[in-house]
Amino acid sequence: MEKTPSQSQEPAFQHGSLSMAPTNKNYETLEIESINNIEGEEEAESEMGNKKAQEELHATTDQKSIRNKRYMPLLVLNYFLLFVGSVSSSMLSKYYFTHKGSSKWVSTWVQCTGFPLLLIPIFLPYSLLKSTIRKPFTDFNKKILTLSIFVGIMLGINNLLFSWGVSYLPVSTSSLLLSSQLGFNLILSVIIVKQKITFSNLNTVILITLSSIILALNSSSERPKGVTEKQYFIGFFCTISAGLLFALYLPVVEKIYKKVYCYEMVMEMQLVMEMTATALATVGTAFDSGFSEMKREGKEVFDKGERVYWVLIVATILAWQFCFMGTAGMVFLTSSLTGGICMTALLSMNVLGGVVFLKEKFGGLKAVATVLCLWGFCSYVYGMYTKMLEAKAISQQNNNNNNINRHSGEDSSSLELVSMVKNLGVSH
């Protein structure tokens, strides 16, 4: 019998019931699988590329990112402002009370009344420098306004407590007491922003607390002339309370700043905070007849003369403005704990400044308290340094692992593609 054309096809290889005959359907299936795998790899690469592009965009727009070109200049500028403001503001405030200035409300009022200076960093980058396309007060919603007013009230109360404290205590003593805010700051940072407790953190809290206790026990020899024991302890507890409130202020502000991406917006919030604190101080000063008292105080009471009095008022306003601007910038660019550490480090400069420029006593117990304070600060800095090294090592290890996984994934994809090609060749 002759075979028909349909029967003259190439016979299939059979083994039992398993058919090995290559068909167009098998070829198309392998081809589709290879195309799907290639498309999947391209989608993964595209997704990785988009993610990297987003990270690059975030690094260039978020000024809190270390990779942002404005980060380091802003960090240096704000630490300089903090250094100048913190050291000079405390000494100028004490100079006012030392030379027969007496109004706590006036001392409170000058701390925030320089808020119009904040309009310079708010409008200068957009209007003159053209370094940003963001218009001032963009995205400044009701929630941020409400939070800024609330923090401003805290700031106003803190300023009043500080004025009471510095009016009765030597600046060196008040500076050492204010260093206790670092311990409070650590505790509140754990609660509010989930800061982890380490040995260096705990050691710092213990040492600085001991320094404050030593100063409290040394009250009889540290009390200035004309200050009663009752007034000294009022100043002592007002200063401790100011440190506690400021320690609360720092992590609260840090939590708010987590949703802020530019320095200009930080200054806008600071403007509202200081306007609120100034309004509070203005009401208190007016109620206490402080503004009319300022004229009489400058002419008749202040023992350095009227001209020096008004120069002192203006200089104190500028000094406090630098201090608050630097503090806000440091918290925004780093963290509340780092800002607190910087403040604590500068308080030791106030101790030396009080001894050198205001001729304050520096007895043995105060020396011990200063050493404990510096020891606690150095302990914390060392802990931060070792933590930074560990984080850097972990980051490097993660980068190496990612590179290995990426290369192994590429090798696996290449092997799968080669295997598919070989199968296609065998099928044909």
Protein backbone atom coordinates (compact mmCIF):
# COMPACT_ATOMS: atom_id res chain seq x y z
CA MET A 1 0.00 0.00 0.00
CA GLU A 2 1.32 3.47 -0.89
CA LYS A 3 1.66 5.96 1.87
CA THR A 4 -0.31 9.13 1.63
CA PRO A 5 1.49 12.45 2.15
CA SER A 6 -0.07 12.78 5.61
CA GLN A 7 1.42 9.44 6.57
CA SER A 8 4.96 10.32 5.39
CA GLN A 9 5.70 12.55 8.41
CA GLU A 10 8.76 11.99 10.60
CA PRO A 11 7.95 9.26 13.17
CA ALA A 12 7.74 10.19 16.81
CA PHE A 13 10.19 8.80 19.35
CA GLN A 14 8.22 6.83 21.89
CA HIS A 15 9.10 5.24 25.19
CA GLY A 16 6.06 3.63 26.68
CA SER A 17 3.39 6.26 26.78
CA LEU A 18 5.87 9.23 26.80
CA SER A 19 6.05 11.02 23.49
CA MET A 20 9.25 12.93 22.61
CA ALA A 21 8.08 14.28 19.31
CA PRO A 22 9.03 17.95 18.82
CA THR A 23 6.04 20.04 17.83
CA ASN A 24 5.45 23.69 16.94
CA LYS A 25 3.41 23.98 20.16
CA ASN A 26 6.43 23.04 22.34
CA TYR A 27 8.63 25.48 20.47
CA GLU A 28 6.14 28.31 20.91
CA THR A 29 5.79 27.51 24.64
CA LEU A 30 9.56 27.70 25.22
CA GLU A 31 9.80 30.86 23.18
CA ILE A 32 7.00 32.54 25.20
CA GLU A 33 8.62 31.48 28.51
CA SER A 34 11.98 32.93 27.46
CA ILE A 35 10.34 36.18 26.38
CA ASN A 36 8.41 36.40 29.68
CA ASN A 37 11.60 35.84 31.66
CA ILE A 38 13.42 38.55 29.71
CA GLU A 39 10.50 40.94 30.15
CA GLY A 40 10.40 40.18 33.89
CA GLU A 41 14.11 40.96 34.20
CA GLU A 42 13.65 44.19 32.26
CA GLU A 43 10.75 45.19 34.54
CA ALA A 44 12.84 44.43 37.65
CA GLU A 45 15.75 46.47 36.28
CA SER A 46 13.35 49.30 35.38
CA GLU A 47 11.87 49.20 38.90
CA MET A 48 15.34 49.31 40.44
CA GLY A 49 16.22 52.22 38.16
CA ASN A 50 13.08 54.12 39.18
CA LYS A 51 13.79 53.46 42.86
CA LYS A 52 17.34 54.71 42.46
CA ALA A 53 16.09 57.79 40.61
CA GLN A 54 13.63 58.49 43.44
CA GLU A 55 16.42 58.16 45.99
CA GLU A 56 18.57 60.56 43.98
CA LEU A 57 15.68 63.04 43.75
CA HIS A 58 15.03 62.72 47.51
CA ALA A 59 18.73 63.30 48.22
CA THR A 60 18.77 66.46 46.12
CA THR A 61 15.48 67.93 47.42
CA ASP A 62 15.50 66.87 51.09
CA GLN A 63 17.97 69.14 52.87
CA LYS A 64 18.19 66.68 55.78
CA SER A 65 19.95 64.24 53.44
CA ILE A 66 23.73 64.17 53.80
CA ARG A 67 24.00 63.88 50.02
CA ASN A 68 22.24 67.21 49.53
CA LYS A 69 24.72 69.90 48.47
CA ARG A 70 23.28 72.39 50.97
CA TYR A 71 23.50 70.02 53.95
CA MET A 72 27.07 70.66 55.08
CA PRO A 73 27.03 74.47 54.63
CA LEU A 74 23.77 74.64 56.60
CA LEU A 75 25.18 72.38 59.33
CA VAL A 76 28.32 74.53 59.72
CA LEU A 77 26.31 77.78 59.66
CA ASN A 78 23.83 76.58 62.29
CA TYR A 79 26.50 75.27 64.64
CA PHE A 80 28.28 78.63 64.34
CA LEU A 81 25.01 80.44 65.19
CA LEU A 82 24.45 78.06 68.11
CA PHE A 83 27.99 78.58 69.39
CA VAL A 84 27.87 82.37 69.26
CA GLY A 85 24.29 82.62 70.48
CA SER A 86 24.49 80.11 73.32
CA VAL A 87 27.68 81.49 74.86
CA SER A 88 26.88 85.20 74.48
CA SER A 89 23.15 85.12 75.37
CA SER A 90 23.65 83.61 78.83
CA MET A 91 26.49 85.98 79.71
CA LEU A 92 24.64 89.07 78.41
CA SER A 93 21.52 88.09 80.36
CA LYS A 94 23.56 87.72 83.54
CA TYR A 95 25.38 91.01 82.81
CA TYR A 96 21.98 92.74 82.81
CA PHE A 97 21.15 91.48 86.32
CA THR A 98 24.68 91.98 87.63
CA HIS A 99 24.55 95.72 86.88
CA LYS A 100 21.22 96.34 88.65
CA GLY A 101 18.80 95.30 85.93
CA SER A 102 15.89 93.71 87.76
CA SER A 103 12.95 92.93 85.46
CA LYS A 104 12.47 89.20 84.75
CA TRP A 105 9.81 90.06 82.16
CA VAL A 106 12.17 92.37 80.24
CA SER A 107 14.79 89.62 80.26
CA THR A 108 12.14 87.23 78.94
CA TRP A 109 10.86 89.66 76.30
CA VAL A 110 14.28 90.23 74.67
CA GLN A 111 14.79 86.48 74.16
CA CYS A 112 12.26 86.16 71.30
CA THR A 113 11.49 89.70 70.20
CA GLY A 114 14.11 89.45 67.45
CA PHE A 115 11.85 87.17 65.40
CA PRO A 116 11.68 89.62 62.40
CA LEU A 117 15.29 88.60 61.67
CA LEU A 118 13.92 85.19 60.64
CA LEU A 119 12.36 86.82 57.56
CA ILE A 120 15.89 86.96 56.08
CA PRO A 121 16.43 83.15 55.81
CA ILE A 122 12.76 82.72 54.84
CA PHE A 123 12.62 85.15 51.89
CA LEU A 124 16.29 85.56 50.87
CA PRO A 125 16.75 82.14 49.14
CA TYR A 126 13.59 82.62 47.03
CA SER A 127 13.58 86.37 46.34
CA LEU A 128 17.25 87.28 45.89
CA LEU A 129 19.45 84.16 45.76
CA LYS A 130 17.00 82.20 43.54
CA SER A 131 18.33 79.02 45.15
CA THR A 132 14.85 77.53 45.60
CA ILE A 133 11.61 77.51 43.60
CA ARG A 134 9.49 77.03 46.73
CA LYS A 135 7.51 80.11 47.69
CA PRO A 136 7.63 81.08 51.39
CA PHE A 137 4.92 79.50 53.55
CA THR A 138 3.99 76.93 50.88
CA ASP A 139 2.52 73.78 52.53
CA PHE A 140 2.21 75.68 55.81
CA ASN A 141 -1.15 74.19 56.80
CA LYS A 142 -3.36 74.63 59.87
CA LYS A 143 -1.89 71.59 61.63
CA ILE A 144 1.66 72.95 61.40
CA LEU A 145 0.42 76.39 62.49
CA THR A 146 -1.33 74.89 65.55
CA LEU A 147 1.74 72.84 66.51
CA SER A 148 4.00 75.87 66.09
CA ILE A 149 1.78 77.97 68.39
CA PHE A 150 1.75 75.19 71.00
CA VAL A 151 5.55 74.88 70.95
CA GLY A 152 5.79 78.68 71.06
CA ILE A 153 3.87 78.71 74.35
CA MET A 154 6.33 76.13 75.71
CA LEU A 155 9.20 78.32 74.54
CA GLY A 156 7.75 81.41 76.23
CA ILE A 157 7.38 79.63 79.57
CA ASN A 158 10.91 78.23 79.24
CA ASN A 159 12.29 81.74 78.63
CA LEU A 160 10.58 83.06 81.77
CA LEU A 161 11.96 80.20 83.88
CA PHE A 162 15.45 80.86 82.52
CA SER A 163 15.18 84.57 83.38
CA TRP A 164 14.21 83.76 86.96
CA GLY A 165 17.06 81.29 87.25
CA VAL A 166 19.82 83.50 85.83
CA SER A 167 18.68 86.46 87.96
CA TYR A 168 19.58 84.62 91.18
CA LEU A 169 22.38 82.23 90.16
CA PRO A 170 25.93 82.75 88.85
CA VAL A 171 26.04 82.07 85.10
CA SER A 172 28.53 79.25 85.65
CA THR A 173 26.16 77.55 88.12
CA SER A 174 23.08 78.02 85.94
CA SER A 175 25.01 76.66 82.94
CA LEU A 176 25.96 73.51 84.79
CA LEU A 177 22.39 73.07 85.97
CA LEU A 178 21.07 73.55 82.43
CA SER A 179 23.38 70.75 81.32
CA SER A 180 20.99 68.43 83.14
CA GLN A 181 18.65 68.93 80.15
CA LEU A 182 20.73 66.31 78.31
CA GLY A 183 19.55 63.63 80.75
CA PHE A 184 15.96 64.79 80.46
CA ASN A 185 16.39 64.97 76.71
CA LEU A 186 17.51 61.35 76.55
CA ILE A 187 14.56 60.10 78.60
CA LEU A 188 12.01 62.11 76.62
CA SER A 189 13.63 61.15 73.31
CA VAL A 190 13.14 57.49 74.27
CA ILE A 191 9.45 58.16 74.88
CA ILE A 192 8.69 60.54 72.00
CA VAL A 193 11.04 59.58 69.14
CA LYS A 194 11.96 56.04 70.30
CA GLN A 195 15.63 56.77 70.99
CA LYS A 196 17.50 53.63 72.12
CA ILE A 197 19.20 53.59 75.53
CA THR A 198 22.86 52.57 75.48
CA PHE A 199 25.60 52.39 78.11
CA SER A 200 27.03 55.75 77.01
CA ASN A 201 23.58 57.36 77.23
CA LEU A 202 22.96 56.04 80.73
CA ASN A 203 26.47 56.93 81.88
CA THR A 204 25.96 60.49 80.65
CA VAL A 205 22.68 60.87 82.55
CA ILE A 206 24.22 59.60 85.79
CA LEU A 207 27.31 61.82 85.62
CA ILE A 208 25.43 65.00 84.74
CA THR A 209 22.84 64.32 87.45
CA LEU A 210 25.66 63.96 89.98
CA SER A 211 27.12 67.30 88.88
CA SER A 212 23.75 68.99 89.54
CA ILE A 213 23.48 67.37 92.99
CA ILE A 214 26.97 68.60 93.90
CA LEU A 215 25.99 72.16 92.95
CA ALA A 216 22.86 71.91 95.07
CA LEU A 217 24.92 70.80 98.09
CA ASN A 218 27.36 73.66 97.47
CA SER A 219 24.69 76.36 97.59
CA SER A 220 26.03 78.19 100.65
CA SER A 221 29.37 79.09 99.06
CA GLU A 222 27.97 79.66 95.56
CA ARG A 223 25.23 82.10 96.57
CA PRO A 224 25.94 85.61 95.20
CA LYS A 225 25.94 88.63 97.52
CA GLY A 226 22.50 90.03 98.15
CA VAL A 227 20.76 86.77 97.23
CA THR A 228 18.96 85.01 100.06
CA GLU A 229 18.95 81.25 100.45
CA LYS A 230 15.28 81.20 99.42
CA GLN A 231 16.03 83.18 96.25
CA TYR A 232 18.97 80.90 95.47
CA PHE A 233 16.79 77.79 95.60
CA ILE A 234 14.08 79.52 93.57
CA GLY A 235 16.74 80.17 90.93
CA PHE A 236 18.00 76.60 91.27
CA PHE A 237 14.62 74.97 90.68
CA CYS A 238 13.61 77.46 87.97
CA THR A 239 16.80 76.59 86.09
CA ILE A 240 16.22 72.85 86.50
CA SER A 241 12.64 73.34 85.30
CA ALA A 242 13.87 75.34 82.30
CA GLY A 243 16.22 72.48 81.44
CA LEU A 244 13.39 69.96 81.71
CA LEU A 245 11.05 72.03 79.53
CA PHE A 246 13.78 72.64 76.95
CA ALA A 247 14.51 68.90 76.93
CA LEU A 248 10.83 68.34 76.11
CA TYR A 249 10.92 71.07 73.47
CA LEU A 250 13.74 69.40 71.50
CA PRO A 251 12.17 65.94 70.79
CA VAL A 252 8.74 67.49 70.20
CA VAL A 253 10.25 69.77 67.57
CA GLU A 254 12.19 66.85 66.08
CA LYS A 255 8.97 64.87 65.69
CA ILE A 256 7.36 67.81 63.89
CA TYR A 257 10.44 68.34 61.68
CA LYS A 258 10.29 64.76 60.40
CA LYS A 259 7.61 65.90 57.95
CA VAL A 260 9.60 68.99 56.92
CA TYR A 261 12.03 68.77 54.00
CA CYS A 262 13.57 72.25 53.72
CA TYR A 263 15.37 74.70 56.02
CA GLU A 264 13.15 77.61 54.97
CA MET A 265 10.08 75.84 56.36
CA VAL A 266 11.92 75.27 59.65
CA MET A 267 12.53 79.01 59.89
CA GLU A 268 8.84 79.67 59.08
CA MET A 269 7.80 77.45 61.98
CA GLN A 270 10.41 79.10 64.20
CA LEU A 271 8.96 82.49 63.25
CA VAL A 272 5.48 81.45 64.45
CA MET A 273 6.93 79.91 67.64
CA GLU A 274 8.84 83.06 68.54
CA MET A 275 5.92 85.34 67.67
CA THR A 276 3.81 83.31 70.12
CA ALA A 277 6.50 83.44 72.81
CA THR A 278 6.93 87.19 72.22
CA ALA A 279 3.17 87.75 72.53
CA LEU A 280 3.20 85.89 75.87
CA ALA A 281 6.19 87.92 77.10
CA THR A 282 4.67 91.20 75.86
CA VAL A 283 1.47 90.60 77.85
CA GLY A 284 3.49 89.81 80.98
CA THR A 285 5.83 92.78 80.51
CA ALA A 286 2.95 95.20 79.92
CA PHE A 287 1.08 93.85 82.95
CA ASP A 288 4.22 94.31 85.06
CA SER A 289 4.77 97.86 83.65
CA GLY A 290 8.01 96.58 82.20
CA PHE A 291 8.14 98.83 79.13
CA SER A 292 7.87 102.05 81.12
CA GLU A 293 10.30 100.57 83.62
CA MET A 294 12.85 100.02 80.83
CA LYS A 295 13.17 103.78 80.23
CA ARG A 296 13.63 104.53 83.92
CA GLU A 297 15.95 101.56 84.40
CA GLY A 298 18.22 102.67 81.56
CA LYS A 299 18.47 106.27 82.82
CA GLU A 300 18.50 105.89 86.59
CA VAL A 301 19.11 102.29 87.69
CA PHE A 302 21.55 100.55 85.33
CA ASP A 303 25.01 101.40 86.66
CA LYS A 304 26.82 101.34 83.28
CA GLY A 305 24.82 104.18 81.77
CA GLU A 306 21.88 104.51 79.40
CA ARG A 307 23.87 103.98 76.19
CA VAL A 308 25.39 100.72 77.42
CA TYR A 309 21.93 99.64 78.59
CA TRP A 310 20.34 99.93 75.14
CA VAL A 311 23.37 98.40 73.42
CA LEU A 312 23.04 95.50 75.86
CA ILE A 313 19.31 95.11 75.04
CA VAL A 314 19.98 95.00 71.27
CA ALA A 315 22.97 92.67 71.65
CA THR A 316 20.93 90.31 73.85
CA ILE A 317 18.12 90.23 71.27
CA LEU A 318 20.60 89.29 68.51
CA ALA A 319 22.37 86.71 70.69
CA TRP A 320 19.17 84.90 71.62
CA GLN A 321 18.00 84.92 68.00
CA PHE A 322 21.25 83.28 66.91
CA CYS A 323 20.86 80.70 69.67
CA PHE A 324 17.30 79.73 68.69
CA MET A 325 18.08 79.69 64.96
CA GLY A 326 21.10 77.46 65.54
CA THR A 327 19.17 75.12 67.82
CA ALA A 328 16.29 74.73 65.34
CA GLY A 329 18.71 74.12 62.48
CA MET A 330 20.73 71.52 64.39
CA VAL A 331 17.60 69.58 65.38
CA PHE A 332 16.33 69.67 61.79
CA LEU A 333 19.64 68.58 60.24
CA THR A 334 20.61 66.00 62.88
CA SER A 335 18.39 65.07 65.84
CA SER A 336 17.08 66.47 69.12
CA LEU A 337 19.66 64.46 71.07
CA THR A 338 22.54 65.76 68.96
CA GLY A 339 21.23 69.29 69.41
CA GLY A 340 21.09 68.73 73.17
CA ILE A 341 24.64 67.41 73.17
CA CYS A 342 25.89 70.47 71.30
CA MET A 343 24.12 72.72 73.80
CA THR A 344 25.69 70.81 76.70
CA ALA A 345 29.16 71.10 75.18
CA LEU A 346 28.75 74.87 74.84
CA LEU A 347 27.50 75.24 78.41
CA SER A 348 31.00 74.42 79.62
CA MET A 349 32.15 77.49 77.66
CA ASN A 350 29.61 79.52 79.65
CA VAL A 351 31.17 78.23 82.88
CA LEU A 352 34.60 79.47 81.78
CA GLY A 353 33.11 82.71 80.45
CA GLY A 354 31.44 83.42 83.79
CA VAL A 355 34.72 82.92 85.62
CA VAL A 356 36.84 84.94 83.16
CA PHE A 357 34.55 87.83 82.22
CA LEU A 358 32.13 88.11 85.16
CA LYS A 359 34.75 87.25 87.83
CA GLU A 360 32.64 84.47 89.36
CA LYS A 361 34.09 82.09 91.94
CA PHE A 362 35.28 78.70 90.78
CA GLY A 363 35.66 76.56 93.90
CA GLY A 364 36.60 72.92 94.28
CA LEU A 365 33.08 71.48 94.18
CA LYS A 366 32.21 73.51 91.08
CA ALA A 367 35.40 72.20 89.46
CA VAL A 368 34.33 68.62 90.29
CA ALA A 369 30.85 69.31 88.88
CA THR A 370 32.41 70.71 85.68
CA VAL A 371 34.65 67.64 85.29
CA LEU A 372 31.66 65.31 85.77
CA CYS A 373 29.68 67.29 83.21
CA LEU A 374 32.49 67.14 80.66
CA TRP A 375 33.07 63.45 81.43
CA GLY A 376 29.42 62.71 80.76
CA PHE A 377 29.52 64.69 77.52
CA CYS A 378 32.69 62.93 76.31
CA SER A 379 31.18 59.56 77.20
CA TYR A 380 28.17 60.30 75.06
CA VAL A 381 30.26 61.58 72.13
CA TYR A 382 32.38 58.40 72.25
CA GLY A 383 29.22 56.28 72.28
CA MET A 384 27.89 58.18 69.26
CA TYR A 385 31.22 57.72 67.49
CA THR A 386 31.28 53.94 68.00
CA LYS A 387 27.63 53.73 66.95
CA MET A 388 28.43 55.64 63.78
CA LEU A 389 31.29 53.26 62.97
CA GLU A 390 29.01 50.25 63.51
CA ALA A 391 26.31 51.75 61.29
CA LYS A 392 28.88 52.45 58.59
CA ALA A 393 30.17 48.86 58.74
CA ILE A 394 26.62 47.45 58.55
CA SER A 395 25.82 49.71 55.60
CA GLN A 396 28.95 48.59 53.78
CA GLN A 397 28.11 44.94 54.45
CA ASN A 398 24.58 45.42 53.13
CA ASN A 399 25.92 47.05 49.97
CA ASN A 400 28.30 44.14 49.43
CA ASN A 401 25.47 41.62 49.93
CA ASN A 402 23.25 43.49 47.49
CA ASN A 403 26.01 43.47 44.88
CA ILE A 404 26.55 39.72 45.36
CA ASN A 405 22.82 39.00 45.10
CA ARG A 406 22.52 41.12 42.00
CA HIS A 407 25.43 39.40 40.28
CA SER A 408 24.18 35.94 41.27
CA GLY A 409 20.75 36.86 39.93
CA GLU A 410 22.26 37.96 36.63
CA ASP A 411 24.29 34.72 36.40
CA SER A 412 21.17 32.64 37.15
CA SER A 413 19.18 34.46 34.46
CA SER A 414 21.98 33.90 31.94
CA LEU A 415 22.11 30.17 32.73
CA GLU A 416 18.33 29.87 32.33
CA LEU A 417 18.47 31.62 28.96
CA VAL A 418 21.30 29.35 27.75
CA SER A 419 19.36 26.29 28.90
CA MET A 420 16.28 27.43 26.98
CA VAL A 421 18.30 27.98 23.82
CA LYS A 422 19.83 24.52 24.11
CA ASN A 423 16.38 22.96 24.56
CA LEU A 424 15.15 24.74 21.48
CA GLY A 425 18.13 23.43 19.53
CA VAL A 426 17.48 19.87 20.70
CA SER A 427 13.81 20.18 19.79
CA HIS A 428 14.69 21.10 16.24
